[in-house]
Amino acid sequence: MAPFLLGAIQRETGITSEKELEDVALANTTRVFHFKKQDAIDNIFPFIRFPRMCTAVRQGFPVIMRDMSGDFVIESTGEVLGYPPPPGLD
């Protein structure tokens, strides 16, 4: 489960099927993704700028963004990671 990554792939490729998006992500065995479209980059920007979130994901924890508050939470444990730092303060 990587909704931010799948969202970025969708914005980059235009693929709308969740199954196809997952297939694209899983087919990339290096797990290194390159995005050229700004909309795709913007979709993963919180992860790029928030190392604590990256660490949680690397450890296999699914991270979600809560709609009402905008903060990030480890879905399986409920641990609140907080908010990414504002631009220029990280």
PDB file of N, CA and C in Angstrom:
ATOM      1  N   MET A   1       0.842  -1.182   0.000  1.00  0.00           N
ATOM      2  CA  MET A   1       0.000   0.000   0.000  1.00  0.00           C
ATOM      3  C   MET A   1       0.884   1.241   0.000  1.00  0.00           C
ATOM      4  N   ALA A   2       0.802   1.995  -1.049  1.00  0.00           N
ATOM      5  CA  ALA A   2       1.589   3.213  -1.171  1.00  0.00           C
ATOM      6  C   ALA A   2       0.763   4.240  -1.931  1.00  0.00           C
ATOM      7  N   PRO A   3      -0.270   4.804  -1.304  1.00  0.00           N
ATOM      8  CA  PRO A   3      -1.180   5.677  -2.047  1.00  0.00           C
ATOM      9  C   PRO A   3      -0.510   6.909  -2.636  1.00  0.00           C
ATOM     10  N   PHE A   4       0.488   7.464  -1.954  1.00  0.00           N
ATOM     11  CA  PHE A   4       1.148   8.643  -2.513  1.00  0.00           C
ATOM     12  C   PHE A   4       1.961   8.278  -3.754  1.00  0.00           C
ATOM     13  N   LEU A   5       2.641   7.142  -3.711  1.00  0.00           N
ATOM     14  CA  LEU A   5       3.406   6.686  -4.870  1.00  0.00           C
ATOM     15  C   LEU A   5       2.472   6.337  -6.021  1.00  0.00           C
ATOM     16  N   LEU A   6       1.408   5.582  -5.722  1.00  0.00           N
ATOM     17  CA  LEU A   6       0.467   5.219  -6.786  1.00  0.00           C
ATOM     18  C   LEU A   6      -0.187   6.458  -7.384  1.00  0.00           C
ATOM     19  N   GLY A   7      -0.472   7.440  -6.544  1.00  0.00           N
ATOM     20  CA  GLY A   7      -1.030   8.696  -7.049  1.00  0.00           C
ATOM     21  C   GLY A   7      -0.054   9.415  -7.965  1.00  0.00           C
ATOM     22  N   ALA A   8       1.221   9.401  -7.605  1.00  0.00           N
ATOM     23  CA  ALA A   8       2.239  10.036  -8.454  1.00  0.00           C
ATOM     24  C   ALA A   8       2.362   9.300  -9.791  1.00  0.00           C
ATOM     25  N   ILE A   9       2.355   7.966  -9.736  1.00  0.00           N
ATOM     26  CA  ILE A   9       2.425   7.184 -10.977  1.00  0.00           C
ATOM     27  C   ILE A   9       1.214   7.485 -11.850  1.00  0.00           C
ATOM     28  N   GLN A  10       0.040   7.589 -11.235  1.00  0.00           N
ATOM     29  CA  GLN A  10      -1.176   7.906 -11.990  1.00  0.00           C
ATOM     30  C   GLN A  10      -1.048   9.258 -12.672  1.00  0.00           C
ATOM     31  N   ARG A  11      -0.548  10.239 -11.955  1.00  0.00           N
ATOM     32  CA  ARG A  11      -0.418  11.582 -12.528  1.00  0.00           C
ATOM     33  C   ARG A  11       0.648  11.630 -13.624  1.00  0.00           C
ATOM     34  N   GLU A  12       1.679  10.816 -13.468  1.00  0.00           N
ATOM     35  CA  GLU A  12       2.751  10.776 -14.466  1.00  0.00           C
ATOM     36  C   GLU A  12       2.322  10.046 -15.730  1.00  0.00           C
ATOM     37  N   THR A  13       1.572   8.944 -15.570  1.00  0.00           N
ATOM     38  CA  THR A  13       1.266   8.074 -16.717  1.00  0.00           C
ATOM     39  C   THR A  13      -0.147   8.222 -17.260  1.00  0.00           C
ATOM     40  N   GLY A  14      -1.072   8.682 -16.421  1.00  0.00           N
ATOM     41  CA  GLY A  14      -2.460   8.763 -16.841  1.00  0.00           C
ATOM     42  C   GLY A  14      -3.222   7.468 -16.630  1.00  0.00           C
ATOM     43  N   ILE A  15      -2.570   6.434 -16.103  1.00  0.00           N
ATOM     44  CA  ILE A  15      -3.244   5.162 -15.817  1.00  0.00           C
ATOM     45  C   ILE A  15      -4.254   5.400 -14.703  1.00  0.00           C
ATOM     46  N   THR A  16      -5.458   4.845 -14.853  1.00  0.00           N
ATOM     47  CA  THR A  16      -6.476   5.047 -13.820  1.00  0.00           C
ATOM     48  C   THR A  16      -6.840   3.772 -13.063  1.00  0.00           C
ATOM     49  N   SER A  17      -6.524   2.624 -13.606  1.00  0.00           N
ATOM     50  CA  SER A  17      -6.835   1.358 -12.948  1.00  0.00           C
ATOM     51  C   SER A  17      -5.876   1.126 -11.782  1.00  0.00           C
ATOM     52  N   GLU A  18      -6.451   0.905 -10.597  1.00  0.00           N
ATOM     53  CA  GLU A  18      -5.594   0.669  -9.423  1.00  0.00           C
ATOM     54  C   GLU A  18      -4.720  -0.562  -9.617  1.00  0.00           C
ATOM     55  N   LYS A  19      -5.260  -1.599 -10.230  1.00  0.00           N
ATOM     56  CA  LYS A  19      -4.493  -2.820 -10.496  1.00  0.00           C
ATOM     57  C   LYS A  19      -3.309  -2.526 -11.413  1.00  0.00           C
ATOM     58  N   GLU A  20      -3.535  -1.753 -12.460  1.00  0.00           N
ATOM     59  CA  GLU A  20      -2.445  -1.409 -13.384  1.00  0.00           C
ATOM     60  C   GLU A  20      -1.401  -0.538 -12.695  1.00  0.00           C
ATOM     61  N   LEU A  21      -1.841   0.387 -11.845  1.00  0.00           N
ATOM     62  CA  LEU A  21      -0.900   1.226 -11.106  1.00  0.00           C
ATOM     63  C   LEU A  21      -0.017   0.376 -10.202  1.00  0.00           C
ATOM     64  N   GLU A  22      -0.636  -0.571  -9.496  1.00  0.00           N
ATOM     65  CA  GLU A  22       0.131  -1.474  -8.638  1.00  0.00           C
ATOM     66  C   GLU A  22       1.106  -2.307  -9.456  1.00  0.00           C
ATOM     67  N   ASP A  23       0.671  -2.769 -10.634  1.00  0.00           N
ATOM     68  CA  ASP A  23       1.546  -3.554 -11.508  1.00  0.00           C
ATOM     69  C   ASP A  23       2.763  -2.738 -11.928  1.00  0.00           C
ATOM     70  N   VAL A  24       2.549  -1.466 -12.273  1.00  0.00           N
ATOM     71  CA  VAL A  24       3.671  -0.592 -12.661  1.00  0.00           C
ATOM     72  C   VAL A  24       4.639  -0.432 -11.494  1.00  0.00           C
ATOM     73  N   ALA A  25       4.091  -0.174 -10.305  1.00  0.00           N
ATOM     74  CA  ALA A  25       4.944   0.014  -9.128  1.00  0.00           C
ATOM     75  C   ALA A  25       5.741  -1.249  -8.815  1.00  0.00           C
ATOM     76  N   LEU A  26       5.090  -2.387  -8.845  1.00  0.00           N
ATOM     77  CA  LEU A  26       5.755  -3.644  -8.495  1.00  0.00           C
ATOM     78  C   LEU A  26       6.728  -4.116  -9.573  1.00  0.00           C
ATOM     79  N   ALA A  27       6.494  -3.716 -10.811  1.00  0.00           N
ATOM     80  CA  ALA A  27       7.394  -4.101 -11.896  1.00  0.00           C
ATOM     81  C   ALA A  27       8.731  -3.386 -11.800  1.00  0.00           C
ATOM     82  N   ASN A  28       8.768  -2.285 -11.082  1.00  0.00           N
ATOM     83  CA  ASN A  28      10.008  -1.531 -10.911  1.00  0.00           C
ATOM     84  C   ASN A  28      10.801  -2.172  -9.779  1.00  0.00           C
ATOM     85  N   THR A  29      11.664  -3.118 -10.130  1.00  0.00           N
ATOM     86  CA  THR A  29      12.382  -3.896  -9.112  1.00  0.00           C
ATOM     87  C   THR A  29      13.424  -3.088  -8.358  1.00  0.00           C
ATOM     88  N   THR A  30      13.866  -1.972  -8.906  1.00  0.00           N
ATOM     89  CA  THR A  30      14.851  -1.139  -8.194  1.00  0.00           C
ATOM     90  C   THR A  30      14.185  -0.278  -7.135  1.00  0.00           C
ATOM     91  N   ARG A  31      12.861  -0.089  -7.254  1.00  0.00           N
ATOM     92  CA  ARG A  31      12.085   0.770  -6.350  1.00  0.00           C
ATOM     93  C   ARG A  31      12.578   2.225  -6.392  1.00  0.00           C
ATOM     94  N   VAL A  32      13.141   2.604  -7.519  1.00  0.00           N
ATOM     95  CA  VAL A  32      13.554   3.988  -7.754  1.00  0.00           C
ATOM     96  C   VAL A  32      12.638   4.520  -8.847  1.00  0.00           C
ATOM     97  N   PHE A  33      11.965   5.607  -8.546  1.00  0.00           N
ATOM     98  CA  PHE A  33      11.002   6.173  -9.478  1.00  0.00           C
ATOM     99  C   PHE A  33      11.428   7.580  -9.853  1.00  0.00           C
ATOM    100  N   HIS A  34      11.286   7.910 -11.121  1.00  0.00           N
ATOM    101  CA  HIS A  34      11.625   9.235 -11.621  1.00  0.00           C
ATOM    102  C   HIS A  34      10.365   9.870 -12.194  1.00  0.00           C
ATOM    103  N   PHE A  35      10.041  11.053 -11.697  1.00  0.00           N
ATOM    104  CA  PHE A  35       8.856  11.759 -12.159  1.00  0.00           C
ATOM    105  C   PHE A  35       9.257  13.075 -12.798  1.00  0.00           C
ATOM    106  N   LYS A  36       8.643  13.392 -13.931  1.00  0.00           N
ATOM    107  CA  LYS A  36       8.920  14.631 -14.644  1.00  0.00           C
ATOM    108  C   LYS A  36       7.781  15.634 -14.507  1.00  0.00           C
ATOM    109  N   LYS A  37       6.568  15.140 -14.370  1.00  0.00           N
ATOM    110  CA  LYS A  37       5.418  16.038 -14.283  1.00  0.00           C
ATOM    111  C   LYS A  37       5.306  16.614 -12.874  1.00  0.00           C
ATOM    112  N   GLN A  38       5.138  17.930 -12.802  1.00  0.00           N
ATOM    113  CA  GLN A  38       5.074  18.600 -11.506  1.00  0.00           C
ATOM    114  C   GLN A  38       3.940  18.068 -10.637  1.00  0.00           C
ATOM    115  N   ASP A  39       2.822  17.738 -11.246  1.00  0.00           N
ATOM    116  CA  ASP A  39       1.689  17.211 -10.497  1.00  0.00           C
ATOM    117  C   ASP A  39       2.051  15.898  -9.799  1.00  0.00           C
ATOM    118  N   ALA A  40       2.832  15.053 -10.458  1.00  0.00           N
ATOM    119  CA  ALA A  40       3.278  13.792  -9.868  1.00  0.00           C
ATOM    120  C   ALA A  40       4.242  14.051  -8.713  1.00  0.00           C
ATOM    121  N   ILE A  41       5.161  14.972  -8.915  1.00  0.00           N
ATOM    122  CA  ILE A  41       6.131  15.332  -7.863  1.00  0.00           C
ATOM    123  C   ILE A  41       5.409  15.910  -6.660  1.00  0.00           C
ATOM    124  N   ASP A  42       4.442  16.772  -6.916  1.00  0.00           N
ATOM    125  CA  ASP A  42       3.679  17.373  -5.815  1.00  0.00           C
ATOM    126  C   ASP A  42       2.961  16.309  -4.984  1.00  0.00           C
ATOM    127  N   ASN A  43       2.581  15.209  -5.616  1.00  0.00           N
ATOM    128  CA  ASN A  43       1.852  14.159  -4.911  1.00  0.00           C
ATOM    129  C   ASN A  43       2.727  13.426  -3.890  1.00  0.00           C
ATOM    130  N   ILE A  44       4.027  13.342  -4.130  1.00  0.00           N
ATOM    131  CA  ILE A  44       4.924  12.666  -3.194  1.00  0.00           C
ATOM    132  C   ILE A  44       5.749  13.643  -2.362  1.00  0.00           C
ATOM    133  N   PHE A  45       5.534  14.935  -2.566  1.00  0.00           N
ATOM    134  CA  PHE A  45       6.336  15.961  -1.893  1.00  0.00           C
ATOM    135  C   PHE A  45       6.375  15.820  -0.373  1.00  0.00           C
ATOM    136  N   PRO A  46       5.258  15.507   0.304  1.00  0.00           N
ATOM    137  CA  PRO A  46       5.339  15.357   1.770  1.00  0.00           C
ATOM    138  C   PRO A  46       6.351  14.298   2.191  1.00  0.00           C
ATOM    139  N   PHE A  47       6.463  13.214   1.427  1.00  0.00           N
ATOM    140  CA  PHE A  47       7.410  12.161   1.784  1.00  0.00           C
ATOM    141  C   PHE A  47       8.853  12.612   1.564  1.00  0.00           C
ATOM    142  N   ILE A  48       9.073  13.355   0.510  1.00  0.00           N
ATOM    143  CA  ILE A  48      10.423  13.828   0.216  1.00  0.00           C
ATOM    144  C   ILE A  48      10.914  14.748   1.329  1.00  0.00           C
ATOM    145  N   ARG A  49      10.014  15.550   1.878  1.00  0.00           N
ATOM    146  CA  ARG A  49      10.396  16.563   2.846  1.00  0.00           C
ATOM    147  C   ARG A  49      10.200  16.141   4.301  1.00  0.00           C
ATOM    148  N   PHE A  50       9.792  14.917   4.551  1.00  0.00           N
ATOM    149  CA  PHE A  50       9.488  14.498   5.911  1.00  0.00           C
ATOM    150  C   PHE A  50      10.191  13.162   6.183  1.00  0.00           C
ATOM    151  N   PRO A  51      11.450  13.198   6.614  1.00  0.00           N
ATOM    152  CA  PRO A  51      12.238  11.969   6.780  1.00  0.00           C
ATOM    153  C   PRO A  51      11.600  10.947   7.724  1.00  0.00           C
ATOM    154  N   ARG A  52      10.890  11.401   8.734  1.00  0.00           N
ATOM    155  CA  ARG A  52      10.266  10.473   9.683  1.00  0.00           C
ATOM    156  C   ARG A  52       9.245   9.573   8.978  1.00  0.00           C
ATOM    157  N   MET A  53       8.559  10.145   8.018  1.00  0.00           N
ATOM    158  CA  MET A  53       7.597   9.387   7.241  1.00  0.00           C
ATOM    159  C   MET A  53       8.319   8.363   6.358  1.00  0.00           C
ATOM    160  N   CYS A  54       9.402   8.784   5.747  1.00  0.00           N
ATOM    161  CA  CYS A  54      10.179   7.879   4.895  1.00  0.00           C
ATOM    162  C   CYS A  54      10.685   6.690   5.707  1.00  0.00           C
ATOM    163  N   THR A  55      11.154   6.954   6.915  1.00  0.00           N
ATOM    164  CA  THR A  55      11.652   5.887   7.781  1.00  0.00           C
ATOM    165  C   THR A  55      10.549   4.884   8.092  1.00  0.00           C
ATOM    166  N   ALA A  56       9.363   5.375   8.418  1.00  0.00           N
ATOM    167  CA  ALA A  56       8.237   4.486   8.723  1.00  0.00           C
ATOM    168  C   ALA A  56       7.904   3.612   7.522  1.00  0.00           C
ATOM    169  N   VAL A  57       7.890   4.200   6.344  1.00  0.00           N
ATOM    170  CA  VAL A  57       7.559   3.448   5.130  1.00  0.00           C
ATOM    171  C   VAL A  57       8.650   2.413   4.851  1.00  0.00           C
ATOM    172  N   ARG A  58       9.925   2.803   4.994  1.00  0.00           N
ATOM    173  CA  ARG A  58      11.027   1.861   4.788  1.00  0.00           C
ATOM    174  C   ARG A  58      10.916   0.656   5.726  1.00  0.00           C
ATOM    175  N   GLN A  59      10.396   0.881   6.910  1.00  0.00           N
ATOM    176  CA  GLN A  59      10.241  -0.198   7.891  1.00  0.00           C
ATOM    177  C   GLN A  59       8.982  -1.021   7.644  1.00  0.00           C
ATOM    178  N   GLY A  60       8.246  -0.689   6.597  1.00  0.00           N
ATOM    179  CA  GLY A  60       7.090  -1.485   6.204  1.00  0.00           C
ATOM    180  C   GLY A  60       5.763  -1.040   6.788  1.00  0.00           C
ATOM    181  N   PHE A  61       5.727   0.148   7.392  1.00  0.00           N
ATOM    182  CA  PHE A  61       4.481   0.639   7.965  1.00  0.00           C
ATOM    183  C   PHE A  61       3.703   1.456   6.939  1.00  0.00           C
ATOM    184  N   PRO A  62       2.401   1.182   6.770  1.00  0.00           N
ATOM    185  CA  PRO A  62       1.586   2.003   5.864  1.00  0.00           C
ATOM    186  C   PRO A  62       1.269   3.351   6.516  1.00  0.00           C
ATOM    187  N   VAL A  63       1.587   4.425   5.837  1.00  0.00           N
ATOM    188  CA  VAL A  63       1.360   5.775   6.357  1.00  0.00           C
ATOM    189  C   VAL A  63       0.233   6.413   5.568  1.00  0.00           C
ATOM    190  N   ILE A  64      -0.688   7.070   6.285  1.00  0.00           N
ATOM    191  CA  ILE A  64      -1.800   7.755   5.636  1.00  0.00           C
ATOM    192  C   ILE A  64      -1.829   9.211   6.091  1.00  0.00           C
ATOM    193  N   MET A  65      -2.432  10.056   5.273  1.00  0.00           N
ATOM    194  CA  MET A  65      -2.642  11.446   5.656  1.00  0.00           C
ATOM    195  C   MET A  65      -4.107  11.585   6.036  1.00  0.00           C
ATOM    196  N   ARG A  66      -4.343  12.113   7.226  1.00  0.00           N
ATOM    197  CA  ARG A  66      -5.724  12.308   7.658  1.00  0.00           C
ATOM    198  C   ARG A  66      -6.275  13.552   6.973  1.00  0.00           C
ATOM    199  N   ASP A  67      -7.456  13.394   6.384  1.00  0.00           N
ATOM    200  CA  ASP A  67      -8.059  14.468   5.603  1.00  0.00           C
ATOM    201  C   ASP A  67      -8.383  15.708   6.430  1.00  0.00           C
ATOM    202  N   MET A  68      -8.970  15.514   7.577  1.00  0.00           N
ATOM    203  CA  MET A  68      -9.433  16.661   8.360  1.00  0.00           C
ATOM    204  C   MET A  68      -8.277  17.464   8.955  1.00  0.00           C
ATOM    205  N   SER A  69      -7.250  16.781   9.419  1.00  0.00           N
ATOM    206  CA  SER A  69      -6.155  17.497  10.089  1.00  0.00           C
ATOM    207  C   SER A  69      -4.967  17.726   9.168  1.00  0.00           C
ATOM    208  N   GLY A  70      -4.780  16.842   8.192  1.00  0.00           N
ATOM    209  CA  GLY A  70      -3.643  16.961   7.289  1.00  0.00           C
ATOM    210  C   GLY A  70      -2.366  16.385   7.856  1.00  0.00           C
ATOM    211  N   ASP A  71      -2.419  15.802   9.072  1.00  0.00           N
ATOM    212  CA  ASP A  71      -1.206  15.202   9.612  1.00  0.00           C
ATOM    213  C   ASP A  71      -1.086  13.766   9.105  1.00  0.00           C
ATOM    214  N   PHE A  72       0.037  13.154   9.407  1.00  0.00           N
ATOM    215  CA  PHE A  72       0.318  11.806   8.929  1.00  0.00           C
ATOM    216  C   PHE A  72       0.344  10.833  10.097  1.00  0.00           C
ATOM    217  N   VAL A  73      -0.195   9.631   9.833  1.00  0.00           N
ATOM    218  CA  VAL A  73      -0.362   8.622  10.867  1.00  0.00           C
ATOM    219  C   VAL A  73       0.075   7.273  10.312  1.00  0.00           C
ATOM    220  N   ILE A  74       0.754   6.474  11.156  1.00  0.00           N
ATOM    221  CA  ILE A  74       1.030   5.097  10.775  1.00  0.00           C
ATOM    222  C   ILE A  74      -0.282   4.342  10.934  1.00  0.00           C
ATOM    223  N   GLU A  75      -0.797   3.852   9.828  1.00  0.00           N
ATOM    224  CA  GLU A  75      -2.143   3.276   9.798  1.00  0.00           C
ATOM    225  C   GLU A  75      -2.303   2.101  10.762  1.00  0.00           C
ATOM    226  N   SER A  76      -1.326   1.215  10.807  1.00  0.00           N
ATOM    227  CA  SER A  76      -1.488  -0.001  11.599  1.00  0.00           C
ATOM    228  C   SER A  76      -1.338   0.220  13.100  1.00  0.00           C
ATOM    229  N   THR A  77      -0.596   1.264  13.507  1.00  0.00           N
ATOM    230  CA  THR A  77      -0.370   1.491  14.938  1.00  0.00           C
ATOM    231  C   THR A  77      -1.101   2.707  15.481  1.00  0.00           C
ATOM    232  N   GLY A  78      -1.493   3.613  14.580  1.00  0.00           N
ATOM    233  CA  GLY A  78      -2.147   4.850  15.010  1.00  0.00           C
ATOM    234  C   GLY A  78      -1.177   5.926  15.468  1.00  0.00           C
ATOM    235  N   GLU A  79       0.138   5.648  15.368  1.00  0.00           N
ATOM    236  CA  GLU A  79       1.123   6.652  15.780  1.00  0.00           C
ATOM    237  C   GLU A  79       1.044   7.880  14.876  1.00  0.00           C
ATOM    238  N   VAL A  80       0.914   9.041  15.497  1.00  0.00           N
ATOM    239  CA  VAL A  80       0.846  10.291  14.753  1.00  0.00           C
ATOM    240  C   VAL A  80       2.269  10.768  14.483  1.00  0.00           C
ATOM    241  N   LEU A  81       2.583  10.949  13.204  1.00  0.00           N
ATOM    242  CA  LEU A  81       3.909  11.416  12.821  1.00  0.00           C
ATOM    243  C   LEU A  81       3.965  12.937  12.783  1.00  0.00           C
ATOM    244  N   GLY A  82       2.826  13.575  12.727  1.00  0.00           N
ATOM    245  CA  GLY A  82       2.790  15.035  12.681  1.00  0.00           C
ATOM    246  C   GLY A  82       2.681  15.551  11.262  1.00  0.00           C
ATOM    247  N   TYR A  83       3.191  16.740  11.071  1.00  0.00           N
ATOM    248  CA  TYR A  83       3.100  17.433   9.798  1.00  0.00           C
ATOM    249  C   TYR A  83       4.494  17.577   9.196  1.00  0.00           C
ATOM    250  N   PRO A  84       4.591  17.566   7.868  1.00  0.00           N
ATOM    251  CA  PRO A  84       5.889  17.852   7.262  1.00  0.00           C
ATOM    252  C   PRO A  84       6.272  19.291   7.585  1.00  0.00           C
ATOM    253  N   PRO A  85       7.565  19.578   7.701  1.00  0.00           N
ATOM    254  CA  PRO A  85       7.980  20.944   7.988  1.00  0.00           C
ATOM    255  C   PRO A  85       7.631  21.883   6.851  1.00  0.00           C
ATOM    256  N   PRO A  86       7.356  23.140   7.161  1.00  0.00           N
ATOM    257  CA  PRO A  86       7.071  24.117   6.107  1.00  0.00           C
ATOM    258  C   PRO A  86       8.301  24.290   5.194  1.00  0.00           C
ATOM    259  N   PRO A  87       8.090  24.698   3.953  1.00  0.00           N
ATOM    260  CA  PRO A  87       9.215  24.911   3.046  1.00  0.00           C
ATOM    261  C   PRO A  87      10.273  25.817   3.666  1.00  0.00           C
ATOM    262  N   GLY A  88      11.520  25.405   3.525  1.00  0.00           N
ATOM    263  CA  GLY A  88      12.640  26.201   4.017  1.00  0.00           C
ATOM    264  C   GLY A  88      13.003  25.963   5.462  1.00  0.00           C
ATOM    265  N   LEU A  89      12.210  25.189   6.192  1.00  0.00           N
ATOM    266  CA  LEU A  89      12.487  24.956   7.618  1.00  0.00           C
ATOM    267  C   LEU A  89      12.903  23.522   7.916  1.00  0.00           C
ATOM    268  N   ASP A  90      13.129  22.717   6.894  1.00  0.00           N
ATOM    269  CA  ASP A  90      13.502  21.326   7.157  1.00  0.00           C
ATOM    270  C   ASP A  90      14.986  21.110   7.064  1.00  0.00           C
TER     271      ASP A  90
END
